[in-house]
N, C-alpha and C. Protein backbone atom coordinates (compact mmCIF):
# COMPACT_ATOMS: atom_id res chain seq x y z
N UNK A 1 0.64 -1.00 -0.03
CA UNK A 1 -0.09 0.14 -0.17
C UNK A 1 0.90 1.38 -0.10
N UNK A 2 1.94 1.23 0.85
CA UNK A 2 2.78 2.47 0.54
C UNK A 2 3.36 2.91 -0.61
N UNK A 3 3.59 1.73 -1.64
CA UNK A 3 4.12 1.90 -2.58
C UNK A 3 3.01 2.72 -3.59
N UNK A 4 1.92 2.02 -3.30
CA UNK A 4 0.67 2.57 -4.20
C UNK A 4 0.70 4.08 -3.82
N UNK A 5 0.45 4.47 -2.63
CA UNK A 5 -0.13 5.63 -2.02
C UNK A 5 1.05 6.72 -3.07
N UNK A 6 2.37 6.42 -2.64
CA UNK A 6 3.85 7.00 -3.26
C UNK A 6 3.68 7.31 -5.01
N UNK A 7 3.23 5.94 -5.56
CA UNK A 7 3.06 6.59 -7.21
C UNK A 7 1.90 7.78 -7.20
N UNK A 8 0.75 7.48 -6.44
CA UNK A 8 -0.38 8.27 -6.75
C UNK A 8 -0.01 10.12 -6.33
N UNK A 9 0.82 9.99 -5.11
CA UNK A 9 1.46 11.18 -5.15
C UNK A 9 2.49 11.97 -6.13
N UNK A 10 3.33 11.04 -6.82
CA UNK A 10 4.21 11.36 -7.39
C UNK A 10 3.41 11.87 -8.70
N UNK A 11 2.38 10.91 -9.04
CA UNK A 11 1.49 11.51 -10.36
C UNK A 11 0.86 12.77 -10.14
N UNK A 12 0.44 13.00 -9.05
CA UNK A 12 -0.52 14.13 -8.41
C UNK A 12 0.59 14.93 -8.96
N UNK A 13 1.74 15.30 -8.37
CA UNK A 13 2.72 16.36 -8.28
C UNK A 13 3.17 16.84 -9.64
N UNK A 14 3.09 16.04 -10.79
CA UNK A 14 3.16 16.31 -12.16
C UNK A 14 2.10 16.92 -12.88
N UNK A 15 0.81 17.01 -12.00
CA UNK A 15 -0.24 17.63 -12.50
C UNK A 15 -0.97 16.86 -13.27
N UNK A 16 -0.83 15.62 -13.28
CA UNK A 16 -1.67 14.47 -13.75
C UNK A 16 -2.73 13.94 -12.98
N UNK A 17 -4.03 13.80 -13.50
CA UNK A 17 -5.00 13.23 -12.39
C UNK A 17 -4.96 11.73 -12.51
N UNK A 18 -4.48 10.91 -11.44
CA UNK A 18 -4.39 9.65 -11.39
C UNK A 18 -5.58 8.97 -11.53
N UNK A 19 -5.27 7.66 -12.08
CA UNK A 19 -6.50 6.62 -12.26
C UNK A 19 -6.01 5.41 -11.93
N UNK A 20 -6.54 4.51 -10.60
CA UNK A 20 -5.94 3.58 -10.29
C UNK A 20 -7.00 2.35 -10.69
N UNK A 21 -6.38 1.09 -11.43
CA UNK A 21 -6.97 -0.01 -11.88
C UNK A 21 -6.40 -1.07 -10.70
N UNK A 22 -7.65 -1.71 -9.91
CA UNK A 22 -7.46 -2.56 -9.03
C UNK A 22 -7.52 -4.08 -9.95
N UNK A 23 -6.35 -4.94 -10.11
CA UNK A 23 -6.56 -5.67 -10.96
C UNK A 23 -7.00 -7.07 -9.87
N UNK A 24 -8.46 -7.35 -9.98
CA UNK A 24 -8.65 -8.18 -9.06
C UNK A 24 -8.78 -9.50 -9.28
N UNK A 25 -8.78 -10.43 -8.37
CA UNK A 25 -8.82 -11.90 -8.56
C UNK A 25 -10.27 -12.65 -8.00
N UNK A 26 -10.59 -13.77 -8.41
CA UNK A 26 -11.86 -14.32 -7.62
C UNK A 26 -11.66 -14.60 -6.42
N UNK A 27 -10.20 -14.54 -5.86
CA UNK A 27 -10.13 -14.89 -4.53
C UNK A 27 -10.00 -13.72 -3.75
N UNK A 28 -10.16 -12.62 -4.13
CA UNK A 28 -10.22 -11.28 -3.22
C UNK A 28 -11.36 -11.09 -2.92
N UNK A 29 -11.58 -10.92 -1.32
CA UNK A 29 -12.86 -10.72 -0.70
C UNK A 29 -13.46 -8.85 -0.76
N UNK A 30 -14.64 -8.87 -0.78
CA UNK A 30 -15.21 -7.40 -0.62
C UNK A 30 -14.32 -6.46 0.46
N UNK A 31 -13.99 -7.28 1.69
CA UNK A 31 -13.36 -6.04 2.57
C UNK A 31 -11.88 -6.05 1.99
N UNK A 32 -11.28 -6.99 1.31
CA UNK A 32 -9.80 -6.35 0.88
C UNK A 32 -10.02 -5.38 -0.04
N UNK A 33 -11.05 -5.32 -1.05
CA UNK A 33 -10.95 -4.47 -2.38
C UNK A 33 -11.41 -3.11 -1.21
N UNK A 34 -12.26 -2.90 -0.16
CA UNK A 34 -12.67 -2.10 0.55
C UNK A 34 -11.65 -1.33 1.13
N UNK A 35 -10.73 -2.02 1.57
CA UNK A 35 -9.36 -1.53 2.38
C UNK A 35 -8.23 -0.53 1.34
N UNK A 36 -8.34 -1.33 0.34
CA UNK A 36 -7.71 -0.55 -1.17
C UNK A 36 -8.06 0.59 -1.31
N UNK A 37 -9.56 0.63 -1.55
CA UNK A 37 -10.06 1.88 -1.95
C UNK A 37 -10.27 2.94 -0.65
N UNK A 38 -10.33 2.54 0.66
CA UNK A 38 -9.90 3.63 1.60
C UNK A 38 -8.71 4.23 1.93
N UNK A 39 -7.88 3.44 1.44
CA UNK A 39 -6.42 3.65 1.61
C UNK A 39 -5.85 5.35 1.19
N UNK A 40 -6.31 5.81 0.22
CA UNK A 40 -6.20 6.73 -0.52
C UNK A 40 -7.09 8.01 -0.39
N UNK A 41 -8.18 7.78 0.38
CA UNK A 41 -9.33 8.72 0.56
C UNK A 41 -9.62 9.55 -0.45
N UNK A 42 -9.89 9.06 -1.83
CA UNK A 42 -10.46 9.64 -2.97
C UNK A 42 -8.95 10.64 -3.88
N UNK A 43 -7.83 10.45 -3.65
CA UNK A 43 -6.96 11.55 -4.32
C UNK A 43 -6.79 10.70 -6.18
N UNK A 44 -7.54 9.91 -6.03
CA UNK A 44 -7.59 9.18 -7.62
C UNK A 44 -8.71 8.61 -7.93
N UNK A 45 -9.00 8.59 -9.10
CA UNK A 45 -10.21 7.86 -9.71
C UNK A 45 -9.76 6.06 -9.30
N UNK A 46 -10.70 5.11 -9.08
CA UNK A 46 -10.22 3.79 -8.87
C UNK A 46 -11.63 2.98 -9.82
N UNK A 47 -11.03 1.91 -10.12
CA UNK A 47 -11.85 0.95 -10.73
C UNK A 47 -11.41 -0.20 -10.73
N UNK A 48 -12.16 -1.26 -10.42
CA UNK A 48 -11.83 -2.62 -10.35
C UNK A 48 -11.93 -3.50 -11.65
N UNK A 49 -10.85 -4.17 -11.84
CA UNK A 49 -10.72 -4.38 -12.95
C UNK A 49 -10.95 -6.33 -12.70
N UNK A 50 -11.87 -6.87 -13.29
CA UNK A 50 -11.76 -8.53 -12.93
C UNK A 50 -11.21 -9.11 -13.97
N UNK A 51 -10.19 -10.16 -13.06
CA UNK A 51 -9.26 -10.86 -14.20
C UNK A 51 -10.19 -12.12 -14.85
N UNK A 52 -11.54 -12.44 -14.52
CA UNK A 52 -12.35 -13.53 -15.15
C UNK A 52 -14.08 -12.66 -15.19
N UNK A 53 -14.66 -13.01 -16.09
CA UNK A 53 -15.82 -12.74 -16.21
C UNK A 53 -15.99 -11.34 -16.97
N UNK A 54 -16.30 -10.39 -15.99
CA UNK A 54 -16.72 -9.12 -16.62
C UNK A 54 -16.00 -8.22 -17.22
N UNK A 55 -14.76 -8.84 -18.06
CA UNK A 55 -13.84 -7.94 -18.37
C UNK A 55 -13.99 -6.95 -19.16
N UNK A 56 -14.91 -7.05 -19.96
CA UNK A 56 -15.41 -5.86 -20.90
C UNK A 56 -16.02 -4.77 -20.18
N UNK A 57 -16.94 -5.00 -19.21
CA UNK A 57 -17.43 -4.10 -18.20
C UNK A 57 -16.38 -3.30 -17.48
N UNK A 58 -15.04 -4.23 -17.26
CA UNK A 58 -14.50 -3.19 -16.42
C UNK A 58 -13.47 -2.24 -17.17
N UNK A 59 -13.27 -3.22 -18.59
CA UNK A 59 -12.29 -2.33 -19.64
C UNK A 59 -13.19 -1.03 -19.65
N UNK A 60 -14.35 -0.98 -19.87
CA UNK A 60 -15.31 0.16 -20.44
C UNK A 60 -15.22 1.13 -19.59
N UNK A 61 -15.36 0.94 -17.88
CA UNK A 61 -15.20 1.47 -16.99
C UNK A 61 -13.80 2.16 -16.93
N UNK A 62 -12.91 1.64 -16.78
CA UNK A 62 -11.67 2.21 -16.84
C UNK A 62 -11.46 3.02 -17.85
N UNK A 63 -11.65 2.50 -19.24
CA UNK A 63 -11.69 3.63 -20.23
C UNK A 63 -12.40 4.97 -20.14
N UNK A 64 -13.52 4.92 -19.52
CA UNK A 64 -14.26 6.06 -19.22
C UNK A 64 -13.59 7.01 -18.17
N UNK A 65 -12.87 6.37 -17.44
CA UNK A 65 -12.44 7.05 -16.14
C UNK A 65 -11.21 8.01 -16.67
N UNK A 66 -10.59 7.33 -17.42
CA UNK A 66 -9.26 7.54 -18.16
C UNK A 66 -9.49 8.81 -19.04
N UNK A 67 -10.67 8.81 -19.65
CA UNK A 67 -10.95 9.81 -20.58
C UNK A 67 -11.75 10.83 -19.66
N UNK A 68 -12.11 10.91 -18.67
CA UNK A 68 -13.08 11.94 -17.81
C UNK A 68 -11.63 12.65 -17.28
N UNK A 69 -10.36 11.67 -16.73
CA UNK A 69 -9.18 12.31 -16.20
C UNK A 69 -8.74 13.44 -17.23
N UNK A 70 -8.77 12.94 -18.50
CA UNK A 70 -7.98 13.82 -19.49
C UNK A 70 -8.61 14.95 -19.85
N UNK A 71 -10.12 14.79 -19.93
CA UNK A 71 -10.70 15.76 -19.94
C UNK A 71 -10.98 16.80 -18.93
N UNK A 72 -10.93 16.62 -17.86
CA UNK A 72 -10.81 17.63 -16.63
C UNK A 72 -9.54 17.94 -16.38
N UNK A 73 -8.39 17.57 -16.84
CA UNK A 73 -7.00 18.34 -16.83
C UNK A 73 -7.30 19.30 -17.88
N UNK A 74 -7.96 19.46 -18.83
CA UNK A 74 -8.13 20.25 -19.82
C UNK A 74 -6.60 21.11 -20.26
N UNK A 75 -5.50 20.53 -20.05
CA UNK A 75 -4.35 20.85 -20.65
C UNK A 75 -3.81 21.89 -19.63
N UNK A 76 -4.36 21.69 -18.23
CA UNK A 76 -3.60 22.69 -17.10
C UNK A 76 -2.33 21.72 -16.75
N UNK A 77 -2.15 20.78 -16.89
CA UNK A 77 -0.67 20.23 -16.38
C UNK A 77 0.18 20.54 -17.43
N UNK A 78 1.46 20.31 -17.19
CA UNK A 78 2.81 20.62 -18.16
C UNK A 78 3.67 19.28 -18.28
N UNK A 79 2.82 18.12 -17.92
CA UNK A 79 3.20 16.83 -18.17
C UNK A 79 3.36 16.19 -19.83
N UNK A 80 4.74 16.12 -20.41
CA UNK A 80 4.94 15.58 -21.25
C UNK A 80 5.60 14.42 -21.45
N UNK A 81 5.03 13.33 -22.18
CA UNK A 81 5.61 11.95 -21.87
C UNK A 81 7.04 11.98 -23.01
N UNK A 82 7.94 11.26 -22.34
CA UNK A 82 9.03 10.87 -23.36
C UNK A 82 9.10 10.06 -24.35
N UNK A 83 9.84 10.38 -25.07
CA UNK A 83 9.42 9.00 -26.23
C UNK A 83 10.75 8.07 -25.91
């Protein structure tokens, strides 16, 4: 968890709105997912991506969150990816 929180902090410092995808497994409990979601108290958008089953829905939700994050940044950050 500390590593994830550090990455979110670093991303936010660059001016980019972070999106977190929880790569979940059928063995994950609802409580485990809640713990992960509570850990950062909303500094990032969060989507659960199931490993088996509703992958299409998870992928669409993730894509929508990424599009929303890009639209909300509206060019307000100075992040430029390197080649």
